[in-house]
């Protein structure tokens, strides 16, 4: 069973593997809880965007730095 702290570490590990400082678009597709955790981590790194807590299936949400 994965705990919230495991999910946070997984999100941080994922972010470290992508180059978020390049000026290019990155599309991430995943399940809701991981995406919420990922959004929290990205916002802590200075990304901004209006992401609802209950994300819709197949919807595009944008975070920008």
C-alpha atoms as a PDB file:
ATOM      1  CA  UNK A   1       0.000   0.000   0.000  1.00  0.00           C
ATOM      2  CA  UNK A   2       1.320   3.409  -0.956  1.00  0.00           C
ATOM      3  CA  UNK A   3       1.195   6.159   1.651  1.00  0.00           C
ATOM      4  CA  UNK A   4       0.821   9.874   1.006  1.00  0.00           C
ATOM      5  CA  UNK A   5       4.504  10.396   1.797  1.00  0.00           C
ATOM      6  CA  UNK A   6       5.397   7.705  -0.792  1.00  0.00           C
ATOM      7  CA  UNK A   7       3.274   9.520  -3.373  1.00  0.00           C
ATOM      8  CA  UNK A   8       4.961  12.841  -2.569  1.00  0.00           C
ATOM      9  CA  UNK A   9       8.387  11.245  -2.998  1.00  0.00           C
ATOM     10  CA  UNK A  10       7.257   9.675  -6.284  1.00  0.00           C
ATOM     11  CA  UNK A  11       6.060  13.101  -7.516  1.00  0.00           C
ATOM     12  CA  UNK A  12       9.357  14.757  -6.547  1.00  0.00           C
ATOM     13  CA  UNK A  13      11.272  11.964  -8.276  1.00  0.00           C
ATOM     14  CA  UNK A  14       9.150  12.412 -11.426  1.00  0.00           C
ATOM     15  CA  UNK A  15       9.731  16.183 -11.443  1.00  0.00           C
ATOM     16  CA  UNK A  16      13.486  15.630 -11.109  1.00  0.00           C
ATOM     17  CA  UNK A  17      13.433  13.509 -14.276  1.00  0.00           C
ATOM     18  CA  UNK A  18      11.784  16.137 -16.489  1.00  0.00           C
ATOM     19  CA  UNK A  19      13.387  19.444 -17.403  1.00  0.00           C
ATOM     20  CA  UNK A  20      10.870  21.952 -16.058  1.00  0.00           C
ATOM     21  CA  UNK A  21      13.172  24.885 -16.812  1.00  0.00           C
ATOM     22  CA  UNK A  22      13.072  24.577 -20.600  1.00  0.00           C
ATOM     23  CA  UNK A  23      10.595  26.696 -22.509  1.00  0.00           C
ATOM     24  CA  UNK A  24       8.475  23.847 -23.865  1.00  0.00           C
ATOM     25  CA  UNK A  25       5.160  22.191 -23.178  1.00  0.00           C
ATOM     26  CA  UNK A  26       4.947  18.899 -21.280  1.00  0.00           C
ATOM     27  CA  UNK A  27       1.786  16.803 -21.239  1.00  0.00           C
ATOM     28  CA  UNK A  28       1.330  14.574 -18.188  1.00  0.00           C
ATOM     29  CA  UNK A  29      -1.417  11.957 -18.046  1.00  0.00           C
ATOM     30  CA  UNK A  30      -2.046  10.108 -14.784  1.00  0.00           C
ATOM     31  CA  UNK A  31      -4.691   9.320 -12.181  1.00  0.00           C
ATOM     32  CA  UNK A  32      -6.275  11.955  -9.962  1.00  0.00           C
ATOM     33  CA  UNK A  33      -4.517  11.523  -6.614  1.00  0.00           C
ATOM     34  CA  UNK A  34      -1.050  11.466  -8.168  1.00  0.00           C
ATOM     35  CA  UNK A  35      -1.903  14.494 -10.316  1.00  0.00           C
ATOM     36  CA  UNK A  36      -3.094  16.443  -7.270  1.00  0.00           C
ATOM     37  CA  UNK A  37       0.152  15.625  -5.488  1.00  0.00           C
ATOM     38  CA  UNK A  38       2.164  16.542  -8.577  1.00  0.00           C
ATOM     39  CA  UNK A  39       0.325  19.868  -8.910  1.00  0.00           C
ATOM     40  CA  UNK A  40       1.096  20.689  -5.257  1.00  0.00           C
ATOM     41  CA  UNK A  41       4.784  19.991  -5.831  1.00  0.00           C
ATOM     42  CA  UNK A  42       4.879  22.022  -9.048  1.00  0.00           C
ATOM     43  CA  UNK A  43       3.132  24.959  -7.354  1.00  0.00           C
ATOM     44  CA  UNK A  44       5.768  24.847  -4.602  1.00  0.00           C
ATOM     45  CA  UNK A  45       8.333  25.315  -7.402  1.00  0.00           C
ATOM     46  CA  UNK A  46       6.588  28.461  -8.668  1.00  0.00           C
ATOM     47  CA  UNK A  47       4.078  27.116 -11.186  1.00  0.00           C
ATOM     48  CA  UNK A  48       0.655  28.743 -11.285  1.00  0.00           C
ATOM     49  CA  UNK A  49      -2.689  27.575 -12.582  1.00  0.00           C
ATOM     50  CA  UNK A  50      -6.277  26.998 -11.613  1.00  0.00           C
ATOM     51  CA  UNK A  51      -6.597  23.256 -11.011  1.00  0.00           C
ATOM     52  CA  UNK A  52      -9.796  21.972  -9.362  1.00  0.00           C
ATOM     53  CA  UNK A  53      -9.588  19.365  -6.607  1.00  0.00           C
ATOM     54  CA  UNK A  54     -12.000  17.168  -8.573  1.00  0.00           C
ATOM     55  CA  UNK A  55     -10.377  16.969 -11.967  1.00  0.00           C
ATOM     56  CA  UNK A  56     -12.504  15.786 -14.862  1.00  0.00           C
ATOM     57  CA  UNK A  57     -11.606  12.840 -17.062  1.00  0.00           C
ATOM     58  CA  UNK A  58     -10.037  13.891 -20.340  1.00  0.00           C
ATOM     59  CA  UNK A  59      -9.780  17.556 -19.337  1.00  0.00           C
ATOM     60  CA  UNK A  60      -6.725  19.692 -19.996  1.00  0.00           C
ATOM     61  CA  UNK A  61      -5.386  21.760 -17.111  1.00  0.00           C
ATOM     62  CA  UNK A  62      -2.479  24.145 -17.529  1.00  0.00           C
ATOM     63  CA  UNK A  63       0.251  25.137 -15.092  1.00  0.00           C
ATOM     64  CA  UNK A  64       2.698  27.853 -16.139  1.00  0.00           C
ATOM     65  CA  UNK A  65       5.834  29.227 -14.618  1.00  0.00           C
END
